[in-house]
């Protein structure tokens, strides 16, 4: 997908000069900007007058040409990922790959492993049940038939604080608030680590819907209290995991012939992963005698049997940023903490983010954050700071192209190009001319990135809106005016 989008990048991206470190913060009082201001002020007054709004625009040289409350600190939502992504590309590098290793402390004699089998993870969000099936198939083909020792989880690469701060109780069921451990799995190629796909299918009126689970239940159980109703009745079905339990409850009505799908989090990714690993061993006729859950560090004298490397970070950036994947963001934060600070924790990772922001001359005293995904309502940043970040990283010749390619492109229906903007800004004025990160949490919508004005010049912009719901149409109207007037 990176190669597919290269031509679009080449035609649309303008290389900005970074000849001056100091950036002017005074708006240019030109007729063009005055008309832009009049249009934006009218939209704000008519549609979001009671909301908190912060807007900033920079030109090719990084000068602020327009701002409306540009220095007001607001909730960035997933615009926080702009900083997380830049720091990850700098600290880890485009070629960084997560590793999953299988070690043993014993030897195989006549098909029997006399010793323990360790599954060691480093947070790979791309690990799937197919990988485990391939691991088990390799072991079976190598002659392994039975494991006499333990099957052990080594997830010590990360700490045991599974959730980032300020995750709301009602969000814990769903993939965007998934817990993070160093041994996690994803149900599909979107790489929503720490979740499974639960799908209800209405097949016969009066009966419970048929349930389809991807990849498998693992440690979870399902209580199906839902009912299939007539095709002309309302859908009221709900799928959620009971708070801090392994039970998924399906309730409500599902019309005949319809289906309903949710990405539901697992309570503990490590335990879930180990259960599915054992399932794969069984499917490949490898028996084991100890079924308990064991967790400890891999001994230094253990022998490596199998290693799986993930796709490189450059490739992972596409589903991560296009689809605004919170799990990947949180994993990247802990990974940076582990490699730079020696601690695989959110706290350590955020220290790395702050150091990176400081190295780019960003005023970190005015950028408050407690996660890398943007889920927390305690995160704060201004539109001026976000545009400064987006301006400064253009000097990163090694990875800026990868960063730019990862941004959603307005109006492109291919979800790995358009991403979270595939159904937004689709008019002829804006389609293919806005490259930006979306953001949304309760009462907050944001959009920050790059746009090509009617002049053909590239601009950097940020629009942050909070304390009002359903403001996406208004933000898009503001951005359309920017493209039209600049």
Protein backbone atom coordinates (compact mmCIF):
# COMPACT_ATOMS: atom_id res chain seq x y z
CA UNK A 1 0.00 0.00 0.00
CA UNK A 2 2.92 2.34 0.63
CA UNK A 3 4.07 1.89 -2.96
CA UNK A 4 0.52 2.34 -4.21
CA UNK A 5 0.29 5.74 -2.57
CA UNK A 6 3.77 6.98 -3.50
CA UNK A 7 2.64 8.62 -6.72
CA UNK A 8 -0.09 10.53 -4.93
CA UNK A 9 2.43 11.69 -2.34
CA UNK A 10 4.87 12.77 -5.03
CA UNK A 11 2.28 14.93 -6.79
CA UNK A 12 0.79 16.44 -3.65
CA UNK A 13 3.58 16.85 -1.12
CA UNK A 14 5.56 20.04 -1.04
CA UNK A 15 8.94 19.95 0.69
CA UNK A 16 8.97 22.78 3.21
CA UNK A 17 12.13 24.75 3.94
CA UNK A 18 13.31 24.76 7.53
CA UNK A 19 15.81 27.58 7.09
CA UNK A 20 14.52 29.45 10.14
CA UNK A 21 14.06 27.97 13.58
CA UNK A 22 11.94 30.87 14.86
CA UNK A 23 8.33 30.78 13.70
CA UNK A 24 6.21 33.90 13.46
CA UNK A 25 2.98 33.74 15.41
CA UNK A 26 1.37 36.84 13.91
CA UNK A 27 -1.39 36.34 11.38
CA UNK A 28 -0.90 37.95 7.97
CA UNK A 29 -3.57 40.60 7.53
CA UNK A 30 -4.24 40.10 3.82
CA UNK A 31 -7.59 40.32 2.02
CA UNK A 32 -7.34 36.57 1.44
CA UNK A 33 -6.99 35.84 5.16
CA UNK A 34 -9.67 38.38 6.06
CA UNK A 35 -12.16 36.57 3.81
CA UNK A 36 -11.12 33.26 5.31
CA UNK A 37 -11.60 34.65 8.81
CA UNK A 38 -15.05 35.98 7.97
CA UNK A 39 -16.14 32.59 6.64
CA UNK A 40 -14.75 30.64 9.61
CA UNK A 41 -16.19 33.08 12.14
CA UNK A 42 -19.62 32.80 10.51
CA UNK A 43 -19.51 28.98 10.60
CA UNK A 44 -18.38 28.94 14.23
CA UNK A 45 -21.06 31.44 15.28
CA UNK A 46 -23.88 29.71 13.40
CA UNK A 47 -23.05 26.10 14.23
CA UNK A 48 -20.71 25.71 17.23
CA UNK A 49 -20.92 29.00 19.09
CA UNK A 50 -21.09 27.30 22.50
CA UNK A 51 -18.22 24.91 21.81
CA UNK A 52 -14.54 25.43 22.60
CA UNK A 53 -12.69 25.90 19.31
CA UNK A 54 -8.99 26.13 18.51
CA UNK A 55 -7.89 26.62 14.88
CA UNK A 56 -4.47 27.30 13.38
CA UNK A 57 -3.04 27.40 9.85
CA UNK A 58 0.60 27.61 8.80
CA UNK A 59 2.03 28.30 5.36
CA UNK A 60 4.90 26.59 3.56
CA UNK A 61 7.51 28.40 5.63
CA UNK A 62 5.85 27.47 8.90
CA UNK A 63 4.44 30.93 9.61
CA UNK A 64 1.06 31.11 11.30
CA UNK A 65 -1.18 32.85 8.79
CA UNK A 66 -4.40 32.31 10.72
CA UNK A 67 -5.45 31.32 14.19
CA UNK A 68 -8.65 31.37 16.19
CA UNK A 69 -7.89 30.66 19.85
CA UNK A 70 -4.80 28.97 18.46
CA UNK A 71 -3.03 28.74 21.81
CA UNK A 72 -6.00 27.35 23.72
CA UNK A 73 -5.20 23.94 25.18
CA UNK A 74 -7.87 21.41 24.24
CA UNK A 75 -8.45 17.68 24.07
CA UNK A 76 -6.74 16.30 20.95
CA UNK A 77 -8.49 12.90 20.89
CA UNK A 78 -6.69 10.77 18.26
CA UNK A 79 -4.72 13.76 17.00
CA UNK A 80 -2.45 12.65 19.86
CA UNK A 81 -1.33 9.88 17.49
CA UNK A 82 0.48 12.49 15.38
CA UNK A 83 3.06 12.88 18.13
CA UNK A 84 3.11 9.16 18.97
CA UNK A 85 3.72 8.25 15.33
CA UNK A 86 6.46 10.79 14.80
CA UNK A 87 8.25 9.71 17.98
CA UNK A 88 7.91 6.01 17.09
CA UNK A 89 9.34 6.51 13.60
CA UNK A 90 12.25 8.46 15.08
CA UNK A 91 12.94 6.23 18.10
CA UNK A 92 12.20 2.80 16.62
CA UNK A 93 12.83 3.41 12.93
CA UNK A 94 10.84 2.42 9.87
CA UNK A 95 12.37 -1.06 9.84
CA UNK A 96 11.47 -1.94 13.42
CA UNK A 97 9.78 -5.35 13.74
CA UNK A 98 8.16 -6.95 16.77
CA UNK A 99 9.36 -10.45 17.63
CA UNK A 100 7.55 -13.45 19.03
CA UNK A 101 9.79 -16.30 20.15
CA UNK A 102 9.29 -19.92 21.17
CA UNK A 103 11.97 -21.30 23.48
CA UNK A 104 12.49 -24.58 25.29
CA UNK A 105 14.53 -25.64 28.29
CA UNK A 106 14.48 -29.30 27.31
CA UNK A 107 15.17 -31.75 24.52
CA UNK A 108 12.93 -33.84 22.29
CA UNK A 109 13.40 -37.60 22.51
CA UNK A 110 11.22 -39.96 20.48
CA UNK A 111 8.66 -37.18 19.91
CA UNK A 112 8.47 -36.15 23.58
CA UNK A 113 9.73 -32.78 24.86
CA UNK A 114 11.23 -33.25 28.31
CA UNK A 115 11.24 -29.65 29.46
CA UNK A 116 9.23 -26.44 29.32
CA UNK A 117 7.99 -24.58 26.25
CA UNK A 118 8.08 -20.77 26.51
CA UNK A 119 6.07 -18.34 24.38
CA UNK A 120 7.84 -14.98 24.63
CA UNK A 121 6.21 -11.81 23.31
CA UNK A 122 7.27 -8.22 22.70
CA UNK A 123 3.83 -6.76 22.00
CA UNK A 124 3.42 -7.80 18.36
CA UNK A 125 -0.05 -6.50 17.35
CA UNK A 126 0.07 -8.50 14.10
CA UNK A 127 0.15 -11.90 15.81
CA UNK A 128 -2.83 -14.04 14.73
CA UNK A 129 -4.17 -17.56 15.13
CA UNK A 130 -2.66 -18.40 11.72
CA UNK A 131 0.78 -17.73 13.16
CA UNK A 132 0.12 -20.16 16.01
CA UNK A 133 -1.14 -22.79 13.61
CA UNK A 134 2.05 -22.40 11.60
CA UNK A 135 4.19 -22.63 14.74
CA UNK A 136 2.43 -25.79 15.85
CA UNK A 137 2.60 -27.28 12.35
CA UNK A 138 6.36 -26.65 12.28
CA UNK A 139 6.82 -28.33 15.65
CA UNK A 140 4.71 -31.32 14.57
CA UNK A 141 6.64 -31.65 11.32
CA UNK A 142 9.84 -31.57 13.36
CA UNK A 143 8.63 -34.66 15.19
CA UNK A 144 7.13 -33.20 18.38
CA UNK A 145 4.18 -35.22 19.64
CA UNK A 146 3.99 -34.54 23.35
CA UNK A 147 5.14 -31.92 25.88
CA UNK A 148 6.00 -33.31 29.30
CA UNK A 149 6.90 -29.93 30.80
CA UNK A 150 4.99 -26.70 31.20
CA UNK A 151 3.72 -24.30 28.51
CA UNK A 152 4.78 -20.90 29.85
CA UNK A 153 3.88 -17.31 28.99
CA UNK A 154 6.66 -14.74 28.99
CA UNK A 155 5.04 -11.31 28.67
CA UNK A 156 7.57 -9.49 30.83
CA UNK A 157 8.59 -7.16 28.01
CA UNK A 158 5.70 -4.91 29.15
CA UNK A 159 4.38 -4.15 32.62
CA UNK A 160 1.05 -5.38 33.99
CA UNK A 161 -0.83 -2.07 33.83
CA UNK A 162 -3.09 -3.33 31.07
CA UNK A 163 -5.20 -0.21 30.53
CA UNK A 164 -4.06 3.33 29.89
CA UNK A 165 -5.29 6.02 32.31
CA UNK A 166 -8.82 7.41 32.14
CA UNK A 167 -10.40 4.50 30.25
CA UNK A 168 -14.13 4.76 30.99
CA UNK A 169 -16.03 1.79 32.36
CA UNK A 170 -18.46 1.74 29.43
CA UNK A 171 -15.57 1.63 26.94
CA UNK A 172 -13.71 -1.38 28.34
CA UNK A 173 -15.74 -3.87 26.29
CA UNK A 174 -14.71 -2.47 22.95
CA UNK A 175 -11.61 -2.78 20.79
CA UNK A 176 -10.68 0.90 20.98
CA UNK A 177 -10.05 0.46 24.73
CA UNK A 178 -8.33 -2.92 24.61
CA UNK A 179 -5.87 -3.91 27.36
CA UNK A 180 -2.23 -4.29 26.37
CA UNK A 181 0.24 -7.02 27.28
CA UNK A 182 3.40 -8.18 25.54
CA UNK A 183 1.58 -11.36 24.43
CA UNK A 184 -1.46 -10.25 22.50
CA UNK A 185 -3.29 -11.27 19.34
CA UNK A 186 -5.41 -9.67 16.64
CA UNK A 187 -8.53 -11.11 15.01
CA UNK A 188 -7.83 -9.70 11.53
CA UNK A 189 -5.50 -7.57 9.42
CA UNK A 190 -6.73 -4.34 11.00
CA UNK A 191 -4.62 -5.48 13.97
CA UNK A 192 -7.04 -4.55 16.75
CA UNK A 193 -4.89 -6.36 19.28
CA UNK A 194 -6.49 -7.67 22.45
CA UNK A 195 -9.91 -8.23 20.90
CA UNK A 196 -12.03 -10.85 19.19
CA UNK A 197 -14.85 -10.44 16.68
CA UNK A 198 -18.24 -11.54 17.99
CA UNK A 199 -20.94 -11.80 15.33
CA UNK A 200 -24.62 -12.61 15.87
CA UNK A 201 -26.63 -13.92 12.90
CA UNK A 202 -30.43 -14.09 12.91
CA UNK A 203 -31.41 -17.44 11.34
CA UNK A 204 -34.78 -18.48 12.76
CA UNK A 205 -37.53 -16.37 14.33
CA UNK A 206 -38.02 -17.07 18.02
CA UNK A 207 -34.60 -18.66 18.50
CA UNK A 208 -31.31 -17.26 19.72
CA UNK A 209 -29.06 -15.82 17.03
CA UNK A 210 -26.22 -18.01 15.80
CA UNK A 211 -22.90 -16.82 17.19
CA UNK A 212 -19.68 -16.70 15.16
CA UNK A 213 -16.41 -15.97 16.98
CA UNK A 214 -13.13 -14.91 15.32
CA UNK A 215 -10.65 -16.32 16.01
CA UNK A 216 -11.91 -18.35 19.00
CA UNK A 217 -13.31 -17.71 22.44
CA UNK A 218 -10.15 -18.55 24.31
CA UNK A 219 -10.62 -17.54 27.93
CA UNK A 220 -14.00 -15.93 27.24
CA UNK A 221 -17.50 -17.37 27.61
CA UNK A 222 -20.70 -16.20 25.93
CA UNK A 223 -24.12 -15.82 27.51
CA UNK A 224 -26.56 -15.52 24.62
CA UNK A 225 -29.82 -13.96 25.82
CA UNK A 226 -30.75 -12.44 22.46
CA UNK A 227 -33.68 -13.42 20.25
CA UNK A 228 -34.24 -13.53 16.50
CA UNK A 229 -37.37 -11.57 15.55
CA UNK A 230 -39.25 -10.84 12.35
CA UNK A 231 -37.41 -9.07 9.55
CA UNK A 232 -39.69 -6.03 9.91
CA UNK A 233 -38.96 -5.51 13.62
CA UNK A 234 -36.41 -3.17 15.19
CA UNK A 235 -32.86 -4.25 15.93
CA UNK A 236 -32.01 -3.80 19.62
CA UNK A 237 -29.19 -6.32 19.94
CA UNK A 238 -26.23 -5.47 22.13
CA UNK A 239 -22.92 -7.32 22.54
CA UNK A 240 -20.62 -6.40 25.41
CA UNK A 241 -18.24 -7.91 27.92
CA UNK A 242 -19.32 -7.67 31.52
CA UNK A 243 -17.12 -5.25 33.42
CA UNK A 244 -13.85 -6.86 34.56
CA UNK A 245 -15.05 -10.41 33.76
CA UNK A 246 -14.56 -13.02 31.03
CA UNK A 247 -18.27 -13.13 30.20
CA UNK A 248 -19.63 -11.69 26.94
CA UNK A 249 -23.37 -11.01 27.13
CA UNK A 250 -25.51 -10.87 23.99
CA UNK A 251 -28.95 -9.35 24.54
CA UNK A 252 -31.83 -7.73 22.66
CA UNK A 253 -33.53 -8.52 19.36
CA UNK A 254 -31.96 -9.26 15.99
CA UNK A 255 -34.21 -9.22 12.90
CA UNK A 256 -34.27 -12.33 10.72
CA UNK A 257 -31.59 -12.32 8.01
CA UNK A 258 -29.53 -9.61 9.67
CA UNK A 259 -26.22 -9.86 11.48
CA UNK A 260 -24.55 -7.70 14.11
CA UNK A 261 -20.84 -7.62 14.81
CA UNK A 262 -18.69 -6.16 17.57
CA UNK A 263 -14.96 -6.19 18.26
CA UNK A 264 -14.92 -7.17 21.94
CA UNK A 265 -11.88 -6.94 24.19
CA UNK A 266 -10.46 -9.86 26.11
CA UNK A 267 -9.90 -9.31 29.81
CA UNK A 268 -6.29 -10.48 29.82
CA UNK A 269 -4.57 -10.74 26.42
CA UNK A 270 -1.78 -12.98 27.73
CA UNK A 271 -4.14 -15.62 29.11
CA UNK A 272 -6.27 -15.47 25.98
CA UNK A 273 -3.20 -15.82 23.76
CA UNK A 274 -1.92 -18.82 25.71
CA UNK A 275 -5.29 -20.56 25.48
CA UNK A 276 -5.30 -20.17 21.69
CA UNK A 277 -1.66 -21.31 21.49
CA UNK A 278 -2.65 -24.52 23.27
CA UNK A 279 -5.60 -24.93 20.88
CA UNK A 280 -3.19 -24.78 17.95
CA UNK A 281 -0.97 -27.41 19.53
CA UNK A 282 -3.98 -29.72 19.93
CA UNK A 283 -5.11 -29.15 16.35
CA UNK A 284 -1.68 -30.33 15.22
CA UNK A 285 -1.85 -33.43 17.42
CA UNK A 286 0.69 -32.21 19.95
CA UNK A 287 -0.35 -33.34 23.41
CA UNK A 288 0.58 -31.71 26.70
CA UNK A 289 0.09 -32.84 30.26
CA UNK A 290 0.12 -29.55 32.19
CA UNK A 291 -2.84 -27.31 31.33
CA UNK A 292 -2.45 -24.62 34.01
CA UNK A 293 -1.54 -21.04 33.19
CA UNK A 294 2.15 -20.45 33.87
CA UNK A 295 3.83 -17.06 33.60
CA UNK A 296 7.55 -16.40 34.11
CA UNK A 297 10.58 -15.03 32.33
CA UNK A 298 12.36 -17.21 29.81
CA UNK A 299 15.57 -18.62 31.33
CA UNK A 300 18.78 -17.35 29.79
CA UNK A 301 19.86 -20.89 28.92
CA UNK A 302 16.66 -21.64 26.99
CA UNK A 303 17.04 -22.67 23.35
CA UNK A 304 15.27 -20.75 20.59
CA UNK A 305 13.04 -22.97 18.44
CA UNK A 306 10.92 -20.54 16.41
CA UNK A 307 10.90 -16.79 15.83
CA UNK A 308 8.25 -14.74 14.09
CA UNK A 309 8.93 -11.16 13.04
CA UNK A 310 6.13 -8.73 12.34
CA UNK A 311 5.79 -6.53 9.28
CA UNK A 312 8.05 -3.44 9.58
CA UNK A 313 6.78 -0.32 11.30
CA UNK A 314 6.63 1.51 7.97
CA UNK A 315 4.02 -0.97 6.77
CA UNK A 316 2.20 -1.13 10.11
CA UNK A 317 1.75 2.65 9.99
CA UNK A 318 -0.94 2.28 7.32
CA UNK A 319 -3.61 0.37 9.31
CA UNK A 320 -2.47 2.12 12.49
CA UNK A 321 -3.00 5.69 11.31
CA UNK A 322 -5.55 5.22 8.54
CA UNK A 323 -7.88 3.34 10.90
CA UNK A 324 -6.80 5.19 14.07
CA UNK A 325 -5.84 2.01 15.90
CA UNK A 326 -5.57 2.68 19.64
CA UNK A 327 -4.03 -0.70 20.47
CA UNK A 328 -1.08 -0.10 18.17
CA UNK A 329 -0.60 3.40 19.61
CA UNK A 330 -0.49 2.06 23.17
CA UNK A 331 1.85 -0.77 22.16
CA UNK A 332 4.21 1.69 20.46
CA UNK A 333 4.30 3.84 23.60
CA UNK A 334 5.24 0.89 25.81
CA UNK A 335 7.78 -0.31 23.24
CA UNK A 336 9.52 3.07 23.21
CA UNK A 337 9.55 3.03 26.99
CA UNK A 338 11.13 -0.43 27.02
CA UNK A 339 13.83 0.27 24.44
CA UNK A 340 14.72 3.80 25.51
CA UNK A 341 14.05 3.76 29.28
CA UNK A 342 14.28 0.05 30.06
CA UNK A 343 10.64 -0.07 31.21
CA UNK A 344 7.78 -1.34 29.06
CA UNK A 345 5.24 0.98 30.63
CA UNK A 346 2.97 3.79 29.50
CA UNK A 347 4.69 6.15 31.93
CA UNK A 348 8.14 5.42 30.52
CA UNK A 349 6.88 5.65 26.96
CA UNK A 350 5.31 9.04 27.62
CA UNK A 351 8.67 10.24 28.90
CA UNK A 352 10.11 9.34 25.51
CA UNK A 353 7.29 11.28 23.79
CA UNK A 354 8.07 14.33 25.92
CA UNK A 355 11.77 14.09 25.12
CA UNK A 356 10.98 13.85 21.42
CA UNK A 357 8.61 16.84 21.58
CA UNK A 358 11.26 18.84 23.45
CA UNK A 359 13.85 17.95 20.80
CA UNK A 360 11.55 19.50 18.18
CA UNK A 361 11.34 22.76 20.15
CA UNK A 362 7.71 22.14 21.10
CA UNK A 363 6.53 23.79 24.31
CA UNK A 364 5.88 20.63 26.30
CA UNK A 365 4.70 22.70 29.26
CA UNK A 366 1.61 23.41 27.16
CA UNK A 367 1.19 19.84 25.89
CA UNK A 368 -0.31 17.58 28.52
CA UNK A 369 -0.80 13.89 27.85
CA UNK A 370 -1.34 10.63 29.73
CA UNK A 371 -1.61 8.24 26.82
CA UNK A 372 -0.40 7.96 23.25
CA UNK A 373 -3.70 7.13 21.59
CA UNK A 374 -5.79 10.15 22.61
CA UNK A 375 -8.43 8.21 24.54
CA UNK A 376 -7.86 10.15 27.76
CA UNK A 377 -9.94 13.25 28.43
CA UNK A 378 -6.99 14.65 30.38
CA UNK A 379 -4.81 15.10 27.29
CA UNK A 380 -4.37 18.73 26.22
CA UNK A 381 -2.71 20.48 23.28
CA UNK A 382 -3.32 23.57 21.16
CA UNK A 383 -3.82 23.82 17.42
CA UNK A 384 -0.70 26.03 17.24
CA UNK A 385 1.43 23.27 18.81
CA UNK A 386 -0.02 20.55 16.58
CA UNK A 387 0.74 22.57 13.45
CA UNK A 388 4.24 23.26 14.76
CA UNK A 389 4.78 19.52 15.14
CA UNK A 390 3.49 18.86 11.63
CA UNK A 391 5.76 21.57 10.26
CA UNK A 392 8.89 20.50 12.10
CA UNK A 393 8.77 16.80 11.16
CA UNK A 394 9.05 17.62 7.46
CA UNK A 395 12.78 17.88 8.10
CA UNK A 396 12.85 14.14 8.90
CA UNK A 397 13.98 13.00 5.47
CA UNK A 398 14.34 9.34 6.51
CA UNK A 399 10.73 8.79 7.53
CA UNK A 400 8.55 11.82 6.77
CA UNK A 401 7.27 10.22 3.57
CA UNK A 402 6.09 7.21 5.58
CA UNK A 403 4.39 9.49 8.08
CA UNK A 404 2.65 11.48 5.34
CA UNK A 405 1.54 8.31 3.54
CA UNK A 406 -0.10 7.06 6.73
CA UNK A 407 -2.49 10.01 6.99
CA UNK A 408 -6.08 9.46 5.80
CA UNK A 409 -6.81 11.07 2.42
CA UNK A 410 -10.10 12.90 2.03
CA UNK A 411 -12.77 11.21 -0.07
CA UNK A 412 -10.88 8.05 -1.12
CA UNK A 413 -13.15 5.02 -0.72
CA UNK A 414 -10.27 2.54 -0.33
CA UNK A 415 -10.04 2.33 3.46
CA UNK A 416 -6.28 1.85 3.34
CA UNK A 417 -5.98 5.20 1.56
CA UNK A 418 -8.99 7.17 2.72
CA UNK A 419 -9.07 5.59 6.15
CA UNK A 420 -11.20 7.57 8.59
CA UNK A 421 -11.66 10.28 5.93
CA UNK A 422 -12.99 7.96 3.23
CA UNK A 423 -16.55 9.24 3.68
CA UNK A 424 -15.61 12.84 4.49
CA UNK A 425 -14.66 15.90 2.42
CA UNK A 426 -15.73 14.11 -0.77
CA UNK A 427 -16.57 17.22 -2.83
CA UNK A 428 -14.49 18.18 -5.84
CA UNK A 429 -13.05 21.04 -3.79
CA UNK A 430 -11.49 18.80 -1.13
CA UNK A 431 -11.26 15.21 -2.40
CA UNK A 432 -7.63 14.15 -2.53
CA UNK A 433 -6.51 17.53 -1.21
CA UNK A 434 -6.72 16.95 2.55
CA UNK A 435 -4.27 14.60 4.32
CA UNK A 436 -5.15 14.60 7.99
CA UNK A 437 -5.62 12.68 11.23
CA UNK A 438 -9.12 12.52 12.61
CA UNK A 439 -9.97 12.40 16.29
CA UNK A 440 -13.14 11.64 18.24
CA UNK A 441 -14.00 10.99 21.88
CA UNK A 442 -17.15 11.92 23.74
CA UNK A 443 -17.89 15.59 23.08
CA UNK A 444 -14.68 16.06 21.06
CA UNK A 445 -13.87 16.08 17.35
CA UNK A 446 -10.53 17.06 15.84
CA UNK A 447 -8.78 17.14 12.47
CA UNK A 448 -5.14 18.09 11.88
CA UNK A 449 -2.82 17.64 8.94
CA UNK A 450 -2.03 19.09 5.53
CA UNK A 451 -4.18 20.50 2.75
CA UNK A 452 -3.67 21.80 -0.77
CA UNK A 453 -5.39 25.13 -1.31
CA UNK A 454 -6.87 26.31 -4.58
CA UNK A 455 -3.62 28.19 -5.09
CA UNK A 456 -1.84 24.83 -5.36
CA UNK A 457 0.17 25.55 -2.23
CA UNK A 458 0.37 23.20 0.74
CA UNK A 459 -0.77 24.38 4.17
CA UNK A 460 -0.69 22.88 7.64
CA UNK A 461 -3.88 23.12 9.68
CA UNK A 462 -5.46 21.99 12.92
CA UNK A 463 -9.10 22.24 14.01
CA UNK A 464 -9.93 21.20 17.58
CA UNK A 465 -13.53 21.31 18.85
CA UNK A 466 -14.77 20.20 22.25
CA UNK A 467 -17.78 20.41 24.56
CA UNK A 468 -20.26 19.78 21.76
CA UNK A 469 -21.35 16.58 20.06
CA UNK A 470 -21.62 15.81 16.35
CA UNK A 471 -19.32 18.55 15.10
CA UNK A 472 -17.70 16.59 12.23
CA UNK A 473 -19.87 18.27 9.53
CA UNK A 474 -18.90 21.68 10.90
CA UNK A 475 -15.19 20.83 10.96
CA UNK A 476 -15.43 19.61 7.37
CA UNK A 477 -17.18 22.84 6.37
CA UNK A 478 -14.36 24.85 7.96
CA UNK A 479 -11.70 22.79 6.15
CA UNK A 480 -13.53 23.15 2.85
CA UNK A 481 -13.46 26.93 3.30
CA UNK A 482 -9.72 26.71 3.99
CA UNK A 483 -9.12 24.85 0.72
CA UNK A 484 -11.36 27.23 -1.20
CA UNK A 485 -9.91 30.48 0.16
CA UNK A 486 -6.21 29.60 0.32
